[in-house]
Amino acid sequence: MPAIRPGTKGGVISGWGIALPEKVLTNHELAEMMDTSDEWIVARTGIHERRIGGSTIGLSVESGRQALEMAGLDPSRIDGLVLATTTPDKQWGNAAAVQNELGMRCGAFDVNAACSGFVYALVCGHGLIAMGADRVLVIGTDTLSRITDWDDRGTAPLFADGSGAVVIESVDGPGQLLGWDLDADGSLLSILQAEVGGYIRMEGKEVFRRAVRIMVDSAEKSMAHAGISADDVALIVPHQANVRIIDAACQRLGIPMERAAVVLDKTGNTSSASIPLALADALDNGRVANGDLVLFVGFGGGMTAASCVVRWGGGVDD
């Protein structure tokens, strides 16, 4: 992907929000449903529990409203809404339904890049800013429990439901986005897919191998476009699929796991919601300061990959 052109209008994230269903499903409860155990799941995934329930539209409205409130914005001031999801409630109109529920009057559209979706949507949001929009709401939401086979111990412990949202506001100058990369390899579709009306099907070992490779490749491209190295990254916010994938990707990138935002132990794999959920957790716990370089990176079915580097708060490092 090309580097950001000089003079491009920039934006910064000014608010964020999350939404998680009330129902908690623990590994011990899963063990009562199928041939598995808490120890088996934790050792292979790092997941202890996940949230189940809610609708894609409902969760999106909740996280979006929180983000707007944090940014101090009336919904009428939003110029565009981008909703990343691979589990729409309806065949079309999901983003429009969220827009209506939030009281916005703007363009609204869905993006489906599976678990890479939020970064795809974030790049799209910055693109709208570059083309003249002043404020964009970006939401990542998935309700994967609806397409999970709860009799399959290879996939059931992984997937869950949730939503995360951010508001991007335009600024004078380059803004926070320094480099980005969007990628896909359709030849790998068969190793992680879900037919319309069917369940998620995954070749676990092959997904692990390919996911690490495609995540690292995308992250390295974004860092090269941004003109930075792994040593410069204050925080990496990866897709929350599996702690072993995150650890392997960090090792290959040369970024210590201590600098990774990880929430999958209590949220599971929430697809498009996983990166904004991890980002919100890091922000709420004071792990990001103005001027910090943050690397977002994810992979998903398709197989897709996406990454970007932002300087938190925008501006130029002193």
C-alpha atoms as a PDB file:
ATOM      1  CA  MET A   1       0.000   0.000   0.000  1.00  0.00           C
ATOM      2  CA  PRO A   2       1.242   3.543  -0.690  1.00  0.00           C
ATOM      3  CA  ALA A   3       2.553   5.793   2.048  1.00  0.00           C
ATOM      4  CA  ILE A   4       0.436   8.745   3.190  1.00  0.00           C
ATOM      5  CA  ARG A   5       1.006  11.650   0.847  1.00  0.00           C
ATOM      6  CA  PRO A   6       2.378  14.917   2.286  1.00  0.00           C
ATOM      7  CA  GLY A   7      -0.314  17.534   2.837  1.00  0.00           C
ATOM      8  CA  THR A   8      -3.074  14.979   3.488  1.00  0.00           C
ATOM      9  CA  LYS A   9      -5.654  16.250   5.962  1.00  0.00           C
ATOM     10  CA  GLY A  10      -5.350  14.297   9.207  1.00  0.00           C
ATOM     11  CA  GLY A  11      -7.473  13.210  12.121  1.00  0.00           C
ATOM     12  CA  VAL A  12      -7.141  12.024  15.718  1.00  0.00           C
ATOM     13  CA  ILE A  13      -9.174   9.702  17.914  1.00  0.00           C
ATOM     14  CA  SER A  14     -11.049  11.866  20.410  1.00  0.00           C
ATOM     15  CA  GLY A  15     -13.375   9.355  22.066  1.00  0.00           C
ATOM     16  CA  TRP A  16     -13.908   5.645  22.478  1.00  0.00           C
ATOM     17  CA  GLY A  17     -16.445   3.228  23.912  1.00  0.00           C
ATOM     18  CA  ILE A  18     -17.153  -0.474  24.310  1.00  0.00           C
ATOM     19  CA  ALA A  19     -20.128  -2.782  24.737  1.00  0.00           C
ATOM     20  CA  LEU A  20     -20.121  -6.350  26.065  1.00  0.00           C
ATOM     21  CA  PRO A  21     -23.101  -8.637  26.680  1.00  0.00           C
ATOM     22  CA  GLU A  22     -23.983  -9.310  30.312  1.00  0.00           C
ATOM     23  CA  LYS A  23     -23.788 -13.108  30.027  1.00  0.00           C
ATOM     24  CA  VAL A  24     -20.370 -14.531  30.928  1.00  0.00           C
ATOM     25  CA  LEU A  25     -19.582 -18.025  29.655  1.00  0.00           C
ATOM     26  CA  THR A  26     -16.633 -19.569  31.501  1.00  0.00           C
ATOM     27  CA  ASN A  27     -14.369 -22.407  30.446  1.00  0.00           C
ATOM     28  CA  HIS A  28     -15.788 -24.516  33.283  1.00  0.00           C
ATOM     29  CA  GLU A  29     -19.289 -24.061  31.854  1.00  0.00           C
ATOM     30  CA  LEU A  30     -18.017 -25.063  28.401  1.00  0.00           C
ATOM     31  CA  ALA A  31     -16.505 -28.196  29.944  1.00  0.00           C
ATOM     32  CA  GLU A  32     -20.008 -29.204  31.023  1.00  0.00           C
ATOM     33  CA  MET A  33     -21.192 -28.844  27.403  1.00  0.00           C
ATOM     34  CA  MET A  34     -18.413 -30.691  25.556  1.00  0.00           C
ATOM     35  CA  ASP A  35     -15.237 -32.738  25.926  1.00  0.00           C
ATOM     36  CA  THR A  36     -12.853 -29.992  27.056  1.00  0.00           C
ATOM     37  CA  SER A  37     -11.460 -28.409  30.221  1.00  0.00           C
ATOM     38  CA  ASP A  38     -10.391 -25.064  31.578  1.00  0.00           C
ATOM     39  CA  GLU A  39      -6.754 -26.179  31.534  1.00  0.00           C
ATOM     40  CA  TRP A  40      -6.953 -27.345  27.897  1.00  0.00           C
ATOM     41  CA  ILE A  41      -8.529 -24.090  26.694  1.00  0.00           C
ATOM     42  CA  VAL A  42      -6.207 -21.780  28.650  1.00  0.00           C
ATOM     43  CA  ALA A  43      -3.062 -23.647  27.564  1.00  0.00           C
ATOM     44  CA  ARG A  44      -3.994 -23.442  23.871  1.00  0.00           C
ATOM     45  CA  THR A  45      -5.688 -20.043  23.663  1.00  0.00           C
ATOM     46  CA  GLY A  46      -5.177 -17.968  26.812  1.00  0.00           C
ATOM     47  CA  ILE A  47      -8.953 -17.542  27.122  1.00  0.00           C
ATOM     48  CA  HIS A  48     -10.639 -17.969  30.520  1.00  0.00           C
ATOM     49  CA  GLU A  49     -14.106 -16.605  29.736  1.00  0.00           C
ATOM     50  CA  ARG A  50     -16.086 -14.814  27.041  1.00  0.00           C
ATOM     51  CA  ARG A  51     -19.288 -12.744  26.701  1.00  0.00           C
ATOM     52  CA  ILE A  52     -22.289 -14.103  24.823  1.00  0.00           C
ATOM     53  CA  GLY A  53     -25.463 -12.334  23.694  1.00  0.00           C
ATOM     54  CA  GLY A  54     -26.876  -9.168  22.218  1.00  0.00           C
ATOM     55  CA  SER A  55     -27.276  -8.064  18.614  1.00  0.00           C
ATOM     56  CA  THR A  56     -24.755  -6.459  16.289  1.00  0.00           C
ATOM     57  CA  ILE A  57     -26.881  -3.334  15.931  1.00  0.00           C
ATOM     58  CA  GLY A  58     -27.662  -3.091  19.655  1.00  0.00           C
ATOM     59  CA  LEU A  59     -24.048  -3.487  20.775  1.00  0.00           C
ATOM     60  CA  SER A  60     -22.901  -1.016  18.101  1.00  0.00           C
ATOM     61  CA  VAL A  61     -25.351   1.609  19.325  1.00  0.00           C
ATOM     62  CA  GLU A  62     -24.084   1.172  22.884  1.00  0.00           C
ATOM     63  CA  SER A  63     -20.367   1.464  22.080  1.00  0.00           C
ATOM     64  CA  GLY A  64     -20.987   4.261  19.583  1.00  0.00           C
ATOM     65  CA  ARG A  65     -22.969   6.284  22.102  1.00  0.00           C
ATOM     66  CA  GLN A  66     -20.152   5.967  24.654  1.00  0.00           C
ATOM     67  CA  ALA A  67     -17.584   7.138  22.112  1.00  0.00           C
ATOM     68  CA  LEU A  68     -19.686  10.154  21.161  1.00  0.00           C
ATOM     69  CA  GLU A  69     -20.205  11.081  24.814  1.00  0.00           C
ATOM     70  CA  MET A  70     -16.480  10.848  25.558  1.00  0.00           C
ATOM     71  CA  ALA A  71     -15.720  13.048  22.541  1.00  0.00           C
ATOM     72  CA  GLY A  72     -18.369  15.523  23.720  1.00  0.00           C
ATOM     73  CA  LEU A  73     -20.127  15.463  20.362  1.00  0.00           C
ATOM     74  CA  ASP A  74     -23.769  15.709  19.458  1.00  0.00           C
ATOM     75  CA  PRO A  75     -24.604  12.882  17.015  1.00  0.00           C
ATOM     76  CA  SER A  76     -25.754  15.436  14.440  1.00  0.00           C
ATOM     77  CA  ARG A  77     -22.141  16.590  14.040  1.00  0.00           C
ATOM     78  CA  ILE A  78     -20.899  13.231  12.723  1.00  0.00           C
ATOM     79  CA  ASP A  79     -20.209  13.221   8.971  1.00  0.00           C
ATOM     80  CA  GLY A  80     -19.860   9.473   8.440  1.00  0.00           C
ATOM     81  CA  LEU A  81     -20.304   6.097  10.125  1.00  0.00           C
ATOM     82  CA  VAL A  82     -18.250   3.019   9.237  1.00  0.00           C
ATOM     83  CA  LEU A  83     -19.362  -0.261  10.842  1.00  0.00           C
ATOM     84  CA  ALA A  84     -17.000  -3.233  10.637  1.00  0.00           C
ATOM     85  CA  THR A  85     -18.796  -6.541  11.120  1.00  0.00           C
ATOM     86  CA  THR A  86     -18.851 -10.053   9.736  1.00  0.00           C
ATOM     87  CA  THR A  87     -22.081 -10.929  11.586  1.00  0.00           C
ATOM     88  CA  PRO A  88     -24.718  -8.442  10.378  1.00  0.00           C
ATOM     89  CA  ASP A  89     -28.190  -8.644  11.863  1.00  0.00           C
ATOM     90  CA  LYS A  90     -29.697  -7.911   8.471  1.00  0.00           C
ATOM     91  CA  GLN A  91     -28.658  -8.507   4.875  1.00  0.00           C
ATOM     92  CA  TRP A  92     -28.161  -4.778   4.503  1.00  0.00           C
ATOM     93  CA  GLY A  93     -28.708  -1.529   6.401  1.00  0.00           C
ATOM     94  CA  ASN A  94     -26.892  -2.427   9.627  1.00  0.00           C
ATOM     95  CA  ALA A  95     -24.809   0.760   9.740  1.00  0.00           C
ATOM     96  CA  ALA A  96     -27.850   2.782   8.726  1.00  0.00           C
ATOM     97  CA  ALA A  97     -29.832   1.250  11.595  1.00  0.00           C
ATOM     98  CA  VAL A  98     -27.070   2.228  14.036  1.00  0.00           C
ATOM     99  CA  GLN A  99     -26.961   5.723  12.544  1.00  0.00           C
ATOM    100  CA  ASN A 100     -30.709   6.097  13.034  1.00  0.00           C
ATOM    101  CA  GLU A 101     -30.660   4.785  16.623  1.00  0.00           C
ATOM    102  CA  LEU A 102     -27.884   7.234  17.520  1.00  0.00           C
ATOM    103  CA  GLY A 103     -29.731  10.176  15.964  1.00  0.00           C
ATOM    104  CA  MET A 104     -27.145  10.875  13.277  1.00  0.00           C
ATOM    105  CA  ARG A 105     -27.805  12.147   9.761  1.00  0.00           C
ATOM    106  CA  CYS A 106     -24.855  11.086   7.670  1.00  0.00           C
ATOM    107  CA  GLY A 107     -23.572   8.429   5.313  1.00  0.00           C
ATOM    108  CA  ALA A 108     -23.301   4.988   6.916  1.00  0.00           C
ATOM    109  CA  PHE A 109     -21.922   1.746   5.528  1.00  0.00           C
ATOM    110  CA  ASP A 110     -20.708  -1.717   6.572  1.00  0.00           C
ATOM    111  CA  VAL A 111     -17.212  -3.145   6.055  1.00  0.00           C
ATOM    112  CA  ASN A 112     -16.682  -6.917   6.160  1.00  0.00           C
ATOM    113  CA  ALA A 113     -13.040  -7.972   6.379  1.00  0.00           C
ATOM    114  CA  ALA A 114     -13.619 -10.488   9.191  1.00  0.00           C
ATOM    115  CA  CYS A 115     -11.280  -9.989  12.146  1.00  0.00           C
ATOM    116  CA  SER A 116      -9.238  -7.375  10.244  1.00  0.00           C
ATOM    117  CA  GLY A 117     -12.395  -5.325   9.844  1.00  0.00           C
ATOM    118  CA  PHE A 118     -11.815  -2.656  12.473  1.00  0.00           C
ATOM    119  CA  VAL A 119      -8.446  -1.629  11.040  1.00  0.00           C
ATOM    120  CA  TYR A 120      -9.946  -1.623   7.537  1.00  0.00           C
ATOM    121  CA  ALA A 121     -12.714   0.641   8.868  1.00  0.00           C
ATOM    122  CA  LEU A 122     -10.244   2.847  10.753  1.00  0.00           C
ATOM    123  CA  VAL A 123      -8.247   3.429   7.572  1.00  0.00           C
ATOM    124  CA  CYS A 124     -11.512   4.162   5.716  1.00  0.00           C
ATOM    125  CA  GLY A 125     -12.458   6.639   8.445  1.00  0.00           C
ATOM    126  CA  HIS A 126      -9.163   8.482   8.091  1.00  0.00           C
ATOM    127  CA  GLY A 127      -9.725   8.419   4.326  1.00  0.00           C
ATOM    128  CA  LEU A 128     -13.050  10.214   4.769  1.00  0.00           C
ATOM    129  CA  ILE A 129     -11.274  12.794   6.921  1.00  0.00           C
ATOM    130  CA  ALA A 130      -8.644  13.232   4.195  1.00  0.00           C
ATOM    131  CA  MET A 131     -11.446  13.898   1.686  1.00  0.00           C
ATOM    132  CA  GLY A 132     -13.068  16.623   3.787  1.00  0.00           C
ATOM    133  CA  ALA A 133     -15.135  15.026   6.558  1.00  0.00           C
ATOM    134  CA  ASP A 134     -14.672  16.624   9.984  1.00  0.00           C
ATOM    135  CA  ARG A 135     -15.882  13.823  12.242  1.00  0.00           C
ATOM    136  CA  VAL A 136     -16.268  10.077  11.626  1.00  0.00           C
ATOM    137  CA  LEU A 137     -17.546   7.327  13.921  1.00  0.00           C
ATOM    138  CA  VAL A 138     -15.838   3.949  13.423  1.00  0.00           C
ATOM    139  CA  ILE A 139     -17.340   0.859  15.079  1.00  0.00           C
ATOM    140  CA  GLY A 140     -16.206  -2.761  15.171  1.00  0.00           C
ATOM    141  CA  THR A 141     -18.871  -5.251  16.288  1.00  0.00           C
ATOM    142  CA  ASP A 142     -19.387  -8.976  16.009  1.00  0.00           C
ATOM    143  CA  THR A 143     -21.787 -11.496  17.507  1.00  0.00           C
ATOM    144  CA  LEU A 144     -19.880 -14.638  16.602  1.00  0.00           C
ATOM    145  CA  SER A 145     -21.836 -16.808  19.020  1.00  0.00           C
ATOM    146  CA  ARG A 146     -24.586 -16.884  16.387  1.00  0.00           C
ATOM    147  CA  ILE A 147     -22.334 -18.611  13.831  1.00  0.00           C
ATOM    148  CA  THR A 148     -20.397 -20.821  16.266  1.00  0.00           C
ATOM    149  CA  ASP A 149     -20.977 -24.565  16.389  1.00  0.00           C
ATOM    150  CA  TRP A 150     -21.298 -25.136  20.139  1.00  0.00           C
ATOM    151  CA  ASP A 151     -20.635 -28.853  19.667  1.00  0.00           C
ATOM    152  CA  ASP A 152     -17.207 -28.226  18.106  1.00  0.00           C
ATOM    153  CA  ARG A 153     -14.519 -28.008  20.780  1.00  0.00           C
ATOM    154  CA  GLY A 154     -12.022 -26.758  18.191  1.00  0.00           C
ATOM    155  CA  THR A 155     -13.918 -23.481  17.654  1.00  0.00           C
ATOM    156  CA  ALA A 156     -16.527 -23.060  20.407  1.00  0.00           C
ATOM    157  CA  PRO A 157     -14.054 -21.990  23.136  1.00  0.00           C
ATOM    158  CA  LEU A 158     -12.675 -19.232  20.912  1.00  0.00           C
ATOM    159  CA  PHE A 159     -15.483 -17.021  19.734  1.00  0.00           C
ATOM    160  CA  ALA A 160     -17.626 -14.435  21.497  1.00  0.00           C
ATOM    161  CA  ASP A 161     -19.586 -11.187  21.150  1.00  0.00           C
ATOM    162  CA  GLY A 162     -18.709  -7.529  21.688  1.00  0.00           C
ATOM    163  CA  SER A 163     -18.290  -4.061  20.236  1.00  0.00           C
ATOM    164  CA  GLY A 164     -15.832  -1.181  20.295  1.00  0.00           C
ATOM    165  CA  ALA A 165     -16.024   2.284  18.774  1.00  0.00           C
ATOM    166  CA  VAL A 166     -13.868   5.360  18.225  1.00  0.00           C
ATOM    167  CA  VAL A 167     -14.543   8.906  17.043  1.00  0.00           C
ATOM    168  CA  ILE A 168     -12.035  10.428  14.616  1.00  0.00           C
ATOM    169  CA  GLU A 169     -11.953  14.242  14.398  1.00  0.00           C
ATOM    170  CA  SER A 170     -10.109  16.280  11.783  1.00  0.00           C
ATOM    171  CA  VAL A 171      -7.164  18.455  12.800  1.00  0.00           C
ATOM    172  CA  ASP A 172      -4.900  21.004  11.172  1.00  0.00           C
ATOM    173  CA  GLY A 173      -1.815  19.175  10.005  1.00  0.00           C
ATOM    174  CA  PRO A 174      -1.019  15.506   9.422  1.00  0.00           C
ATOM    175  CA  GLY A 175      -2.981  13.999  12.320  1.00  0.00           C
ATOM    176  CA  GLN A 176      -2.173  10.688  13.978  1.00  0.00           C
ATOM    177  CA  LEU A 177      -2.084   8.155  11.104  1.00  0.00           C
ATOM    178  CA  LEU A 178       1.523   7.660  10.008  1.00  0.00           C
ATOM    179  CA  GLY A 179       1.375   4.493   7.944  1.00  0.00           C
ATOM    180  CA  TRP A 180      -1.042   1.722   7.006  1.00  0.00           C
ATOM    181  CA  ASP A 181      -1.382  -1.542   5.117  1.00  0.00           C
ATOM    182  CA  LEU A 182      -4.407  -3.531   3.942  1.00  0.00           C
ATOM    183  CA  ASP A 183      -3.867  -6.999   2.516  1.00  0.00           C
ATOM    184  CA  ALA A 184      -5.696 -10.165   1.475  1.00  0.00           C
ATOM    185  CA  ASP A 185      -4.870 -13.619   0.131  1.00  0.00           C
ATOM    186  CA  GLY A 186      -7.974 -15.250  -1.275  1.00  0.00           C
ATOM    187  CA  SER A 187      -6.131 -18.524  -1.868  1.00  0.00           C
ATOM    188  CA  LEU A 188      -6.355 -19.108   1.899  1.00  0.00           C
ATOM    189  CA  LEU A 189     -10.136 -18.713   2.136  1.00  0.00           C
ATOM    190  CA  SER A 190     -10.715 -22.402   2.812  1.00  0.00           C
ATOM    191  CA  ILE A 191      -8.723 -22.536   6.077  1.00  0.00           C
ATOM    192  CA  LEU A 192     -11.042 -20.095   7.883  1.00  0.00           C
ATOM    193  CA  GLN A 193     -14.534 -19.499   6.554  1.00  0.00           C
ATOM    194  CA  ALA A 194     -18.263 -19.599   7.201  1.00  0.00           C
ATOM    195  CA  GLU A 195     -20.857 -20.268   4.542  1.00  0.00           C
ATOM    196  CA  VAL A 196     -23.929 -18.041   4.539  1.00  0.00           C
ATOM    197  CA  GLY A 197     -26.268 -19.590   7.096  1.00  0.00           C
ATOM    198  CA  GLY A 198     -23.548 -21.926   8.353  1.00  0.00           C
ATOM    199  CA  TYR A 199     -20.989 -22.134  11.142  1.00  0.00           C
ATOM    200  CA  ILE A 200     -17.359 -21.047  11.368  1.00  0.00           C
ATOM    201  CA  ARG A 201     -15.022 -23.731  10.021  1.00  0.00           C
ATOM    202  CA  MET A 202     -11.314 -23.517  10.749  1.00  0.00           C
ATOM    203  CA  GLU A 203      -8.127 -25.489  10.128  1.00  0.00           C
ATOM    204  CA  GLY A 204      -6.512 -24.487  13.416  1.00  0.00           C
ATOM    205  CA  LYS A 205      -2.862 -25.389  12.812  1.00  0.00           C
ATOM    206  CA  GLU A 206      -2.798 -23.870   9.344  1.00  0.00           C
ATOM    207  CA  VAL A 207      -4.555 -20.702  10.535  1.00  0.00           C
ATOM    208  CA  PHE A 208      -1.956 -20.324  13.292  1.00  0.00           C
ATOM    209  CA  ARG A 209       0.939 -20.646  10.863  1.00  0.00           C
ATOM    210  CA  ARG A 210      -0.505 -18.351   8.229  1.00  0.00           C
ATOM    211  CA  ALA A 211      -1.877 -15.797  10.699  1.00  0.00           C
ATOM    212  CA  VAL A 212       1.497 -15.113  12.300  1.00  0.00           C
ATOM    213  CA  ARG A 213       3.126 -14.732   8.897  1.00  0.00           C
ATOM    214  CA  ILE A 214       0.513 -12.376   7.412  1.00  0.00           C
ATOM    215  CA  MET A 215       0.271 -10.269  10.600  1.00  0.00           C
ATOM    216  CA  VAL A 216       4.030  -9.765  10.758  1.00  0.00           C
ATOM    217  CA  ASP A 217       4.237  -8.940   7.049  1.00  0.00           C
ATOM    218  CA  SER A 218       1.469  -6.322   7.302  1.00  0.00           C
ATOM    219  CA  ALA A 219       2.889  -4.774  10.492  1.00  0.00           C
ATOM    220  CA  GLU A 220       6.341  -4.472   8.937  1.00  0.00           C
ATOM    221  CA  LYS A 221       4.874  -2.713   5.902  1.00  0.00           C
ATOM    222  CA  SER A 222       3.008  -0.194   8.081  1.00  0.00           C
ATOM    223  CA  MET A 223       6.113   0.514  10.159  1.00  0.00           C
ATOM    224  CA  ALA A 224       8.159   0.989   6.981  1.00  0.00           C
ATOM    225  CA  HIS A 225       5.562   3.426   5.601  1.00  0.00           C
ATOM    226  CA  ALA A 226       5.625   5.292   8.922  1.00  0.00           C
ATOM    227  CA  GLY A 227       9.433   5.381   8.956  1.00  0.00           C
ATOM    228  CA  ILE A 228       9.723   3.680  12.343  1.00  0.00           C
ATOM    229  CA  SER A 229      11.142   0.463  13.790  1.00  0.00           C
ATOM    230  CA  ALA A 230       9.768  -2.017  16.301  1.00  0.00           C
ATOM    231  CA  ASP A 231      11.861  -0.338  19.007  1.00  0.00           C
ATOM    232  CA  ASP A 232       9.810   2.837  18.521  1.00  0.00           C
ATOM    233  CA  VAL A 233       6.452   1.138  19.188  1.00  0.00           C
ATOM    234  CA  ALA A 234       5.135   1.949  22.663  1.00  0.00           C
ATOM    235  CA  LEU A 235       2.102  -0.356  22.360  1.00  0.00           C
ATOM    236  CA  ILE A 236       0.989  -3.013  19.901  1.00  0.00           C
ATOM    237  CA  VAL A 237      -2.763  -3.646  19.750  1.00  0.00           C
ATOM    238  CA  PRO A 238      -3.209  -6.989  17.971  1.00  0.00           C
ATOM    239  CA  HIS A 239      -6.300  -8.913  17.008  1.00  0.00           C
ATOM    240  CA  GLN A 240      -7.322 -10.982  20.033  1.00  0.00           C
ATOM    241  CA  ALA A 241      -7.523 -14.442  18.482  1.00  0.00           C
ATOM    242  CA  ASN A 242      -5.125 -16.539  20.505  1.00  0.00           C
ATOM    243  CA  VAL A 243      -2.424 -15.551  22.981  1.00  0.00           C
ATOM    244  CA  ARG A 244       0.045 -17.890  21.279  1.00  0.00           C
ATOM    245  CA  ILE A 245      -0.492 -16.120  17.947  1.00  0.00           C
ATOM    246  CA  ILE A 246       0.024 -12.746  19.630  1.00  0.00           C
ATOM    247  CA  ASP A 247       3.179 -13.973  21.355  1.00  0.00           C
ATOM    248  CA  ALA A 248       4.620 -15.489  18.161  1.00  0.00           C
ATOM    249  CA  ALA A 249       3.886 -12.328  16.143  1.00  0.00           C
ATOM    250  CA  CYS A 250       5.456 -10.114  18.809  1.00  0.00           C
ATOM    251  CA  GLN A 251       8.560 -12.290  18.903  1.00  0.00           C
ATOM    252  CA  ARG A 252       9.012 -12.085  15.131  1.00  0.00           C
ATOM    253  CA  LEU A 253       8.457  -8.322  15.164  1.00  0.00           C
ATOM    254  CA  GLY A 254      10.871  -7.831  18.064  1.00  0.00           C
ATOM    255  CA  ILE A 255       8.231  -6.275  20.324  1.00  0.00           C
ATOM    256  CA  PRO A 256       8.110  -7.576  23.925  1.00  0.00           C
ATOM    257  CA  MET A 257       4.780  -9.032  25.040  1.00  0.00           C
ATOM    258  CA  GLU A 258       4.839  -6.466  27.868  1.00  0.00           C
ATOM    259  CA  ARG A 259       4.075  -3.868  25.190  1.00  0.00           C
ATOM    260  CA  ALA A 260       1.030  -5.741  23.862  1.00  0.00           C
ATOM    261  CA  ALA A 261      -2.585  -4.919  24.737  1.00  0.00           C
ATOM    262  CA  VAL A 262      -4.290  -8.211  25.602  1.00  0.00           C
ATOM    263  CA  VAL A 263      -7.892  -8.702  26.782  1.00  0.00           C
ATOM    264  CA  LEU A 264      -8.817 -12.025  25.195  1.00  0.00           C
ATOM    265  CA  ASP A 265      -8.503 -13.822  28.529  1.00  0.00           C
ATOM    266  CA  LYS A 266     -11.864 -12.299  29.490  1.00  0.00           C
ATOM    267  CA  THR A 267     -13.415 -11.457  26.102  1.00  0.00           C
ATOM    268  CA  GLY A 268     -12.420 -14.291  23.771  1.00  0.00           C
ATOM    269  CA  ASN A 269     -12.165 -13.665  20.029  1.00  0.00           C
ATOM    270  CA  THR A 270     -14.694 -10.966  19.156  1.00  0.00           C
ATOM    271  CA  SER A 271     -13.485 -10.492  15.554  1.00  0.00           C
ATOM    272  CA  SER A 272     -13.978  -6.857  14.470  1.00  0.00           C
ATOM    273  CA  ALA A 273     -14.493  -5.797  18.085  1.00  0.00           C
ATOM    274  CA  SER A 274     -11.277  -7.270  19.450  1.00  0.00           C
ATOM    275  CA  ILE A 275      -8.833  -4.483  18.563  1.00  0.00           C
ATOM    276  CA  PRO A 276     -11.015  -1.588  19.803  1.00  0.00           C
ATOM    277  CA  LEU A 277     -11.779  -3.550  23.004  1.00  0.00           C
ATOM    278  CA  ALA A 278      -8.041  -4.020  23.621  1.00  0.00           C
ATOM    279  CA  LEU A 279      -7.334  -0.378  22.767  1.00  0.00           C
ATOM    280  CA  ALA A 280     -10.010   0.901  25.162  1.00  0.00           C
ATOM    281  CA  ASP A 281      -8.644  -1.286  27.945  1.00  0.00           C
ATOM    282  CA  ALA A 282      -5.115   0.067  27.400  1.00  0.00           C
ATOM    283  CA  LEU A 283      -6.336   3.666  27.296  1.00  0.00           C
ATOM    284  CA  ASP A 284      -8.517   3.287  30.378  1.00  0.00           C
ATOM    285  CA  ASN A 285      -5.562   1.830  32.277  1.00  0.00           C
ATOM    286  CA  GLY A 286      -3.181   4.649  31.358  1.00  0.00           C
ATOM    287  CA  ARG A 287      -0.952   2.615  29.058  1.00  0.00           C
ATOM    288  CA  VAL A 288      -0.935   5.219  26.264  1.00  0.00           C
ATOM    289  CA  ALA A 289       0.419   8.773  26.485  1.00  0.00           C
ATOM    290  CA  ASN A 290       0.319  11.600  23.954  1.00  0.00           C
ATOM    291  CA  GLY A 291       3.078  11.126  21.438  1.00  0.00           C
ATOM    292  CA  ASP A 292       3.255   7.350  21.869  1.00  0.00           C
ATOM    293  CA  LEU A 293       3.484   5.272  18.706  1.00  0.00           C
ATOM    294  CA  VAL A 294       0.756   2.615  18.635  1.00  0.00           C
ATOM    295  CA  LEU A 295       0.709  -0.280  16.165  1.00  0.00           C
ATOM    296  CA  PHE A 296      -2.636  -1.896  15.297  1.00  0.00           C
ATOM    297  CA  VAL A 297      -2.483  -5.245  13.485  1.00  0.00           C
ATOM    298  CA  GLY A 298      -4.956  -7.988  12.738  1.00  0.00           C
ATOM    299  CA  PHE A 299      -5.786 -10.927  10.483  1.00  0.00           C
ATOM    300  CA  GLY A 300      -9.055 -12.542   9.558  1.00  0.00           C
ATOM    301  CA  GLY A 301     -10.868 -15.002   7.362  1.00  0.00           C
ATOM    302  CA  GLY A 302     -10.461 -14.445   3.680  1.00  0.00           C
ATOM    303  CA  MET A 303      -7.569 -14.419   4.545  1.00  0.00           C
ATOM    304  CA  THR A 304      -7.303 -10.702   5.251  1.00  0.00           C
ATOM    305  CA  ALA A 305      -4.741  -8.656   7.133  1.00  0.00           C
ATOM    306  CA  ALA A 306      -4.558  -5.015   8.149  1.00  0.00           C
ATOM    307  CA  SER A 307      -2.317  -2.772  10.191  1.00  0.00           C
ATOM    308  CA  CYS A 308      -1.582   0.864  10.861  1.00  0.00           C
ATOM    309  CA  VAL A 309       0.713   3.043  12.955  1.00  0.00           C
ATOM    310  CA  VAL A 310      -0.649   6.077  14.795  1.00  0.00           C
ATOM    311  CA  ARG A 311       1.053   8.698  16.912  1.00  0.00           C
ATOM    312  CA  TRP A 312      -1.386   9.018  19.801  1.00  0.00           C
ATOM    313  CA  GLY A 313      -2.780  12.543  20.000  1.00  0.00           C
ATOM    314  CA  GLY A 314      -1.253  13.484  16.647  1.00  0.00           C
ATOM    315  CA  GLY A 315       1.443  16.098  16.302  1.00  0.00           C
ATOM    316  CA  VAL A 316       5.134  15.624  15.945  1.00  0.00           C
ATOM    317  CA  ASP A 317       7.458  14.056  18.494  1.00  0.00           C
ATOM    318  CA  ASP A 318       9.711  16.517  20.258  1.00  0.00           C
END
